[in-house]
Protein backbone atom coordinates (compact mmCIF):
# COMPACT_ATOMS: atom_id res chain seq x y z
CA MET A 1 0.00 0.00 0.00
CA SER A 2 1.39 3.39 -0.95
CA ASN A 3 1.95 6.11 1.64
CA ASP A 4 -0.62 8.88 1.96
CA PRO A 5 0.80 12.42 1.40
CA LYS A 6 -2.19 13.87 3.29
CA LYS A 7 -0.73 12.38 6.46
CA THR A 8 2.77 13.76 5.89
CA PHE A 9 2.19 17.08 4.12
CA CYS A 10 2.97 20.33 5.92
CA VAL A 11 2.53 23.75 4.30
CA LEU A 12 5.65 25.27 5.84
CA PRO A 13 8.39 23.99 3.47
CA TRP A 14 6.51 25.75 0.66
CA ILE A 15 5.47 29.11 2.16
CA HIS A 16 7.67 29.75 5.16
CA LEU A 17 11.05 30.99 6.40
CA ALA A 18 12.07 30.10 9.96
CA THR A 19 15.16 32.12 10.79
CA HIS A 20 17.37 31.69 13.84
CA PRO A 21 19.55 34.19 15.72
CA MET A 22 22.68 33.34 13.71
CA GLY A 23 20.74 33.77 10.46
CA HIS A 24 20.35 30.13 9.50
CA VAL A 25 16.98 29.16 8.05
CA THR A 26 15.19 25.92 8.87
CA LEU A 27 11.90 24.31 7.82
CA CYS A 28 10.27 25.60 10.99
CA CYS A 29 11.20 26.47 14.55
CA GLU A 30 10.72 22.84 15.66
CA ALA A 31 12.59 21.09 12.86
CA ASP A 32 15.46 18.99 14.15
CA MET A 33 18.98 20.08 13.35
CA THR A 34 22.40 19.05 14.58
CA ASN A 35 25.47 21.06 15.48
CA HIS A 36 23.25 24.08 16.01
CA ALA A 37 26.08 25.66 17.97
CA SER A 38 29.74 25.20 17.35
CA SER A 39 33.04 26.09 18.98
CA SER A 40 34.42 26.61 15.50
CA LYS A 41 35.02 30.10 14.16
CA ASP A 42 33.52 28.78 10.95
CA THR A 43 30.13 28.50 12.64
CA LYS A 44 28.12 29.08 9.48
CA GLU A 45 29.49 25.93 7.89
CA SER A 46 28.74 23.73 10.93
CA ILE A 47 24.95 23.63 10.94
CA VAL A 48 23.16 20.80 9.21
CA GLY A 49 19.66 19.36 9.19
CA ALA A 50 18.64 16.05 10.69
CA ASP A 51 19.44 14.48 7.32
CA GLN A 52 22.97 15.98 7.41
CA GLN A 53 22.27 18.44 4.60
CA GLU A 54 23.63 21.96 4.81
CA ILE A 55 21.39 24.65 6.23
CA LYS A 56 21.83 28.02 4.54
CA PHE A 57 22.02 31.52 6.00
CA LEU A 58 20.42 34.91 5.50
CA GLY A 59 23.10 37.46 4.67
CA LYS A 60 25.11 34.78 2.94
CA HIS A 61 22.48 33.19 0.66
CA THR A 62 19.47 34.60 -1.19
CA ILE A 63 15.92 33.54 -0.36
CA LYS A 64 15.79 31.54 -3.60
CA GLU A 65 19.04 29.74 -2.73
CA ILE A 66 17.66 28.93 0.70
CA HIS A 67 14.25 27.73 -0.51
CA ASP A 68 15.78 25.68 -3.33
CA SER A 69 18.54 24.15 -1.23
CA ASP A 70 18.86 20.37 -0.95
CA TYR A 71 17.64 20.68 2.64
CA PHE A 72 14.25 22.07 1.55
CA LYS A 73 13.96 20.11 -1.71
CA THR A 74 14.46 16.73 -0.04
CA VAL A 75 11.74 17.37 2.52
CA ARG A 76 9.25 18.53 -0.10
CA LYS A 77 9.82 15.43 -2.20
CA GLN A 78 9.45 13.16 0.82
CA MET A 79 6.22 14.79 1.96
CA LEU A 80 4.69 14.61 -1.52
CA ALA A 81 5.64 10.93 -1.63
CA GLY A 82 3.87 10.29 1.68
CA GLU A 83 7.14 9.85 3.58
CA LYS A 84 7.99 11.34 6.97
CA PRO A 85 11.16 13.49 6.84
CA GLU A 86 13.53 12.87 9.72
CA ALA A 87 13.69 16.58 10.53
CA CYS A 88 9.93 16.62 11.14
CA MET A 89 9.54 13.63 13.44
CA ARG A 90 8.80 15.80 16.47
CA CYS A 91 5.39 16.64 14.96
CA TYR A 92 4.61 13.12 13.77
CA ASN A 93 5.52 11.69 17.18
CA ARG A 94 3.19 14.13 18.94
CA GLU A 95 0.39 13.18 16.59
CA ASP A 96 0.99 9.49 17.32
CA LYS A 97 0.34 10.32 21.00
CA GLY A 98 -2.93 12.02 20.13
CA LEU A 99 -1.49 15.49 20.72
CA ASP A 100 -1.71 18.52 18.50
CA SER A 101 1.40 19.39 16.49
CA LYS A 102 2.85 22.40 14.73
CA ARG A 103 2.17 20.66 11.41
CA LEU A 104 -1.55 20.40 12.17
CA LEU A 105 -1.66 23.89 13.62
CA GLU A 106 -0.20 25.40 10.45
CA GLN A 107 -2.57 23.37 8.27
CA ARG A 108 -5.41 25.10 10.08
CA GLU A 109 -3.70 28.49 9.88
CA TYR A 110 -3.21 28.31 6.09
CA PRO A 111 -6.13 26.20 4.83
CA ASN A 112 -6.07 27.84 1.40
CA TYR A 113 -2.61 26.47 0.60
CA SER A 114 -3.51 22.89 -0.26
CA LEU A 115 -1.51 19.78 -0.99
CA ALA A 116 -2.57 20.12 -4.65
CA GLU A 117 -1.32 23.71 -4.85
CA ALA A 118 1.97 22.72 -3.25
CA ALA A 119 2.44 19.89 -5.75
CA ASP A 120 1.64 22.20 -8.67
CA ASN A 121 4.29 24.69 -7.48
CA THR A 122 6.99 22.03 -7.07
CA ASN A 123 9.46 20.98 -9.73
CA GLN A 124 10.49 17.35 -10.04
CA ASP A 125 13.69 17.97 -8.07
CA GLY A 126 11.74 19.52 -5.17
CA SER A 127 12.58 23.15 -6.00
CA LEU A 128 9.83 25.75 -6.24
CA LYS A 129 8.49 27.25 -9.45
CA LYS A 130 7.72 30.45 -7.52
CA THR A 131 8.78 31.63 -4.07
CA ASP A 132 5.61 32.91 -2.43
CA LEU A 133 6.07 33.68 1.26
CA ARG A 134 2.96 33.57 3.40
CA PHE A 135 4.69 33.24 6.78
CA VAL A 136 8.07 34.70 7.80
CA GLU A 137 9.55 33.97 11.20
CA PHE A 138 12.35 36.28 12.35
CA ARG A 139 14.69 35.63 15.25
CA LEU A 140 16.68 38.80 15.05
CA GLY A 141 20.15 37.99 16.31
CA ASN A 142 21.19 37.83 19.94
CA VAL A 143 21.11 41.47 21.10
CA CYS A 144 19.16 41.38 24.34
CA ASN A 145 18.88 43.18 27.66
CA VAL A 146 18.18 40.09 29.80
CA LYS A 147 19.84 36.71 30.32
CA CYS A 148 17.23 34.07 31.10
CA ARG A 149 18.31 30.88 32.84
CA THR A 150 16.89 28.76 30.04
CA CYS A 151 18.71 30.82 27.39
CA ASN A 152 22.28 30.97 26.07
CA PRO A 153 24.77 33.32 24.34
CA ALA A 154 23.39 32.46 20.90
CA SER A 155 20.10 34.10 21.85
CA SER A 156 21.31 36.74 24.31
CA ASN A 157 24.64 38.54 24.11
CA ARG A 158 24.30 39.40 27.80
CA TRP A 159 24.90 35.71 28.55
CA LYS A 160 28.47 35.75 27.27
CA THR A 161 30.33 36.55 30.51
CA ASP A 162 28.26 34.24 32.72
CA TYR A 163 28.61 31.44 30.19
CA GLU A 164 32.38 31.73 30.14
CA LYS A 165 32.42 31.56 33.94
CA LEU A 166 30.27 28.42 33.81
CA GLN A 167 32.68 26.87 31.33
CA ASP A 168 35.67 27.78 33.51
CA GLY A 169 34.12 26.34 36.65
CA GLU A 170 35.17 23.17 38.41
CA TRP A 171 31.57 22.01 38.86
CA GLU A 172 30.47 18.66 37.49
CA GLY A 173 29.04 19.33 34.04
CA ALA A 174 31.08 22.42 33.14
CA LYS A 175 32.19 20.72 29.95
CA VAL A 176 28.85 19.06 29.28
CA ILE A 177 26.72 22.11 28.60
CA PRO A 178 26.67 23.10 24.91
CA GLN A 179 29.74 24.93 23.68
CA TYR A 180 29.11 28.55 22.73
CA ARG A 181 32.41 30.09 23.73
CA GLY A 182 33.87 30.04 20.24
CA LEU A 183 30.95 31.75 18.52
CA ASP A 184 31.82 34.24 15.82
CA TRP A 185 29.82 37.21 17.10
CA SER A 186 29.69 38.80 13.65
CA THR A 187 27.44 35.87 12.68
CA PHE A 188 24.57 37.68 14.37
CA ASP A 189 24.93 40.92 12.39
CA TRP A 190 22.70 39.79 9.51
CA CYS A 191 19.63 41.26 11.21
CA GLU A 192 20.90 44.81 10.64
CA ASP A 193 21.60 44.19 6.92
CA GLU A 194 19.05 46.09 4.81
CA ASN A 195 19.70 43.83 1.80
CA VAL A 196 18.36 40.82 3.70
CA TYR A 197 15.04 42.52 4.32
CA ASP A 198 14.79 43.81 0.74
CA ASP A 199 15.27 40.28 -0.62
CA ILE A 200 12.44 39.05 1.60
CA LEU A 201 10.29 42.06 0.71
CA ASP A 202 10.32 41.03 -2.96
CA LYS A 203 8.57 37.76 -2.03
CA CYS A 204 6.02 39.23 0.41
CA GLU A 205 3.15 40.15 -1.87
CA ASN A 206 0.95 37.46 -0.28
CA LEU A 207 2.48 37.59 3.21
CA GLU A 208 -0.10 36.83 5.90
CA SER A 209 1.93 36.31 9.07
CA LEU A 210 5.12 37.84 10.44
CA TYR A 211 6.58 36.47 13.65
CA ILE A 212 9.36 38.54 15.25
CA ASN A 213 11.53 37.29 18.08
CA GLY A 214 15.13 37.87 19.20
CA GLY A 215 17.23 38.41 21.22
CA GLU A 216 14.99 41.28 22.06
CA PRO A 217 13.62 42.45 18.69
CA THR A 218 12.68 45.96 19.82
CA LEU A 219 16.43 46.67 19.97
CA ILE A 220 16.98 45.91 16.25
CA LYS A 221 16.57 49.18 14.34
CA GLN A 222 16.57 47.72 10.81
CA HIS A 223 13.45 45.67 11.41
CA TRP A 224 11.46 48.87 12.03
CA ARG A 225 12.52 50.03 8.57
CA PHE A 226 11.26 46.70 7.16
CA LEU A 227 7.86 47.34 8.72
CA GLU A 228 7.84 50.82 7.19
CA LYS A 229 8.48 49.32 3.74
CA LEU A 230 5.65 46.81 4.18
CA ILE A 231 3.40 49.78 4.93
CA GLU A 232 4.72 51.76 1.94
CA LYS A 233 4.03 48.84 -0.44
CA GLY A 234 0.48 48.44 0.84
CA PHE A 235 1.15 44.94 2.22
CA ALA A 236 0.74 45.78 5.91
CA LYS A 237 -3.06 45.86 5.94
CA ASN A 238 -3.09 42.13 5.11
CA ILE A 239 -0.42 41.07 7.57
CA LYS A 240 -0.78 39.78 11.11
CA ILE A 241 2.30 40.48 13.23
CA TRP A 242 3.12 38.74 16.43
CA TYR A 243 6.11 39.42 18.64
CA SER A 244 7.84 37.60 21.45
CA LEU A 245 8.95 40.37 23.80
CA ASN A 246 10.46 40.27 27.27
CA MET A 247 8.12 43.09 28.32
CA THR A 248 10.83 45.40 29.60
CA LEU A 249 10.19 48.13 27.00
CA ILE A 250 8.11 49.11 23.97
CA PRO A 251 9.51 52.07 22.00
CA ASP A 252 7.23 54.83 20.72
CA ILE A 253 7.83 53.87 17.07
CA ALA A 254 6.28 50.46 17.73
CA LEU A 255 2.76 51.66 18.42
CA GLU A 256 2.94 54.12 15.50
CA LEU A 257 3.81 51.36 13.00
CA TRP A 258 1.72 48.56 14.47
CA ASP A 259 -1.42 50.61 13.97
CA GLN A 260 -0.99 50.15 10.19
CA PHE A 261 -1.13 46.33 10.27
CA LYS A 262 -4.10 43.99 10.14
CA GLU A 263 -3.46 42.63 13.60
CA VAL A 264 -0.71 42.79 16.23
CA GLU A 265 -0.26 40.24 18.98
CA ILE A 266 2.38 40.41 21.71
CA ARG A 267 3.41 37.04 23.04
CA ALA A 268 4.79 38.19 26.34
CA SER A 269 7.75 36.15 27.56
CA ILE A 270 6.85 36.00 31.24
CA ASP A 271 7.81 32.79 33.02
CA ASP A 272 6.73 33.40 36.61
CA ILE A 273 5.74 36.23 38.92
CA GLU A 274 7.71 38.80 40.91
CA ASP A 275 11.02 37.52 42.35
CA ARG A 276 10.72 34.16 40.60
CA ASN A 277 10.45 35.88 37.22
CA TYR A 278 13.46 38.06 38.08
CA TYR A 279 15.45 34.93 38.92
CA ILE A 280 14.46 32.98 35.79
CA ARG A 281 14.55 35.99 33.43
CA HIS A 282 17.40 37.89 35.08
CA PRO A 283 17.28 40.86 35.66
CA THR A 284 13.67 41.57 34.66
CA LYS A 285 12.02 43.98 37.11
CA TRP A 286 8.43 43.06 37.90
CA ASP A 287 7.16 46.63 38.01
CA LYS A 288 8.44 47.19 34.46
CA VAL A 289 6.74 44.01 33.26
CA LEU A 290 3.39 45.10 34.64
CA LYS A 291 3.81 48.63 33.26
CA THR A 292 4.47 47.23 29.77
CA VAL A 293 1.55 44.82 30.01
CA ASP A 294 -0.72 47.71 31.00
CA GLN A 295 0.65 49.78 28.11
CA CYS A 296 -0.44 47.06 25.66
CA LEU A 297 -3.83 46.53 27.32
CA ALA A 298 -4.56 50.26 27.02
CA THR A 299 -4.34 50.24 23.20
CA ASP A 300 -6.94 49.26 20.62
CA THR A 301 -4.16 47.94 18.36
CA VAL A 302 -2.34 45.35 20.42
CA ARG A 303 -3.59 42.03 21.74
CA ILE A 304 -1.48 40.48 24.46
CA LYS A 305 -0.96 36.80 25.18
CA ILE A 306 1.52 35.32 27.64
CA LEU A 307 3.85 32.64 26.31
CA GLN A 308 5.31 30.98 29.37
CA THR A 309 8.48 28.95 28.91
CA VAL A 310 7.95 26.00 31.23
CA SER A 311 11.12 24.58 32.76
CA VAL A 312 12.17 22.80 35.93
CA TYR A 313 12.19 26.16 37.72
CA ASN A 314 8.56 27.17 37.26
CA PHE A 315 6.85 23.79 36.79
CA PRO A 316 5.93 23.67 40.52
CA TYR A 317 4.26 27.09 40.27
CA LEU A 318 2.06 26.77 37.17
CA LYS A 319 -1.16 26.91 39.19
CA GLU A 320 -0.11 30.12 40.98
CA PHE A 321 0.93 31.66 37.67
CA HIS A 322 -2.41 30.99 35.98
CA ASP A 323 -4.36 32.11 39.03
CA TYR A 324 -2.37 35.35 39.28
CA TRP A 325 -3.02 36.42 35.69
CA ASN A 326 -6.66 35.41 35.79
CA GLU A 327 -7.13 37.78 38.70
CA TYR A 328 -4.98 40.51 37.08
CA ASP A 329 -6.90 40.47 33.78
CA SER A 330 -8.93 37.44 32.80
CA SER A 331 -8.77 38.42 29.11
CA ILE A 332 -5.07 37.53 28.96
CA GLU A 333 -4.56 34.07 27.52
CA ILE A 334 -1.61 31.92 28.63
CA ALA A 335 0.16 29.45 26.36
CA HIS A 336 2.98 27.08 27.24
CA ASN A 337 6.34 26.56 25.57
CA PHE A 338 7.98 23.52 27.16
CA VAL A 339 11.76 23.45 27.45
CA MET A 340 13.22 20.52 25.54
CA TRP A 341 16.74 21.87 25.20
CA PRO A 342 18.95 22.10 27.17
CA ASP A 343 17.45 18.77 28.18
CA PHE A 344 18.59 19.06 31.80
CA MET A 345 16.14 21.97 32.23
CA SER A 346 13.13 20.08 30.87
CA PRO A 347 10.45 19.34 33.51
CA ASP A 348 10.86 15.62 32.86
CA VAL A 349 14.18 15.60 34.76
CA ILE A 350 12.30 16.25 38.01
CA PRO A 351 12.13 13.00 40.02
CA LEU A 352 8.87 11.23 39.23
CA SER A 353 7.68 11.20 42.85
CA ILE A 354 7.96 15.01 43.02
CA ARG A 355 6.60 15.50 39.50
CA SER A 356 3.47 13.47 40.26
CA GLN A 357 2.67 15.70 43.23
CA LEU A 358 3.16 18.80 41.11
CA ILE A 359 0.90 17.48 38.35
CA ASP A 360 -1.81 16.72 40.93
CA LYS A 361 -1.57 20.35 42.00
CA ILE A 362 -1.73 21.55 38.38
CA ASN A 363 -4.90 19.53 37.83
CA GLU A 364 -6.54 21.52 40.63
CA CYS A 365 -6.07 24.76 38.69
CA GLU A 366 -9.47 26.04 37.54
CA ASN A 367 -7.83 28.71 35.36
CA MET A 368 -5.90 26.27 33.17
CA SER A 369 -7.57 24.67 30.18
CA SER A 370 -8.31 20.96 30.05
CA HIS A 371 -6.16 20.80 26.90
CA GLN A 372 -3.15 22.20 28.77
CA LYS A 373 -3.63 19.77 31.64
CA HIS A 374 -3.94 16.87 29.21
CA GLU A 375 -0.74 17.88 27.46
CA ILE A 376 1.15 18.03 30.76
CA GLU A 377 -0.24 14.61 31.72
CA GLN A 378 0.88 13.11 28.41
CA LEU A 379 4.34 14.64 28.51
CA TYR A 380 5.31 14.30 32.17
CA ARG A 381 3.07 12.02 34.24
CA THR A 382 4.86 8.73 33.63
CA LYS A 383 8.18 9.53 31.97
CA GLU A 384 11.06 8.28 34.08
CA HIS A 385 13.62 10.89 34.96
CA ASP A 386 17.34 10.68 34.28
CA PRO A 387 19.21 11.02 37.61
CA ALA A 388 22.35 12.28 35.84
CA LYS A 389 20.45 15.09 34.12
CA TRP A 390 18.67 15.98 37.37
CA GLN A 391 22.02 16.26 39.11
CA LEU A 392 23.33 18.35 36.23
CA PHE A 393 20.39 20.73 36.70
CA LEU A 394 21.11 21.03 40.43
CA ASN A 395 24.81 21.63 39.85
CA TYR A 396 24.15 24.13 37.07
CA THR A 397 21.70 26.04 39.27
CA ASP A 398 24.12 26.14 42.18
CA GLU A 399 27.00 27.34 40.00
CA LEU A 400 24.93 30.06 38.34
CA ASP A 401 23.64 31.14 41.75
CA GLN A 402 27.22 31.74 42.80
CA ILE A 403 28.00 33.70 39.64
CA ARG A 404 24.88 35.87 39.93
CA ARG A 405 24.82 35.99 43.73
CA GLU A 406 21.35 34.54 43.87
CA SER A 407 19.79 31.72 45.86
CA PHE A 408 17.49 29.03 44.49
CA SER A 409 16.37 28.02 48.00
CA ASP A 410 15.40 31.61 48.88
CA ILE A 411 13.38 32.12 45.68
CA PHE A 412 11.77 28.66 45.50
CA PRO A 413 11.48 27.53 49.16
CA GLU A 414 8.50 25.21 48.57
CA PHE A 415 10.24 23.46 45.70
CA LYS A 416 13.47 23.19 47.70
CA GLU A 417 11.55 21.53 50.52
CA LEU A 418 10.18 18.91 48.11
CA ILE A 419 13.69 18.27 46.79
CA ASP A 420 15.17 17.90 50.27
CA ARG A 421 12.36 15.56 51.33
CA GLU A 422 12.97 13.41 48.24
CA SER A 423 16.73 13.25 48.80
CA ASN A 424 16.26 12.22 52.45
CA SER A 425 13.64 9.55 51.77
């Protein structure tokens, strides 16, 4: 029996660019890749897809070269043949568990781009007859004003000094965490290159969605000019923009430009409340976060949604987080982004006996959707933890506490009590 392309097809390899802070472009933000950070000065040559094919870069390659690369062509041919590309297995595996996936989400988001249309626009070798971008995803370098515990120097330049201290430390695991020390920092400069944006602009006639992340994208001046050009060409009125912002600032130019677009959504990167958020998203001041949230809520232009990155640190406090924001403004929706990498910060490294108690508590939360609870159950209820990764998390936390002069036990006393009880049992 032949494979069914309807079960493998995803619109993204045909209509999408997913850029990363160093400028490399993948099938989507969840597509597997290897060597995504390198100690080599020749970083741009070290990144390959799950099938070991070269991933190309903005600033070095044109959009056509990127979209018609072997990396993209191979995946298109496999999908049209009803095969599952290795780079996309994260979605297929979620679907096998009965969970929603990015593939299915994007099918719903772009229902007018069908399998038949994709096949018609594809040459025999997998290249495209016409590059027609409907969805562009920017991660604009690594310039940032915070250094989140779940982040790294490739996404925040403020991480550089702390990361080098972690690498120099004598703690167990200092040489295990991913190697970023040798990054060529000029690799991140592509996001201030006007030519990159102009190349994309030429393929944006039918653009529907523009996702902008960082670093902290409000600090990248050239992207404001790109928005101005979208407005000048008359494209903006058809485009939905959504940002991931750390909610520390919104410049005046933002609200002026955003008013010209079809829709603007802020996906606020807020991971916990008050001192816990400061600790996880160092050094984010809580009063500034609330001021920025209120600034967005006061406009008719901007819709705000919280995208919480769920890690070991805040997993025990999900109920409090949802309850807090429901009381603050019940119109604010909360979505979850679960840490999978670095894997020692994923919630599944928490010992199962502790994790089960935490999930029981989460299930008591009346302000969390049944879908979110089901997803947490499926991902974390029964998965055995890796003691070595758990110990790596504890060591990493202790070492970073010393570097930043912070204290996990002071910020998370309830969680620390659970950990101590587990270790003494």
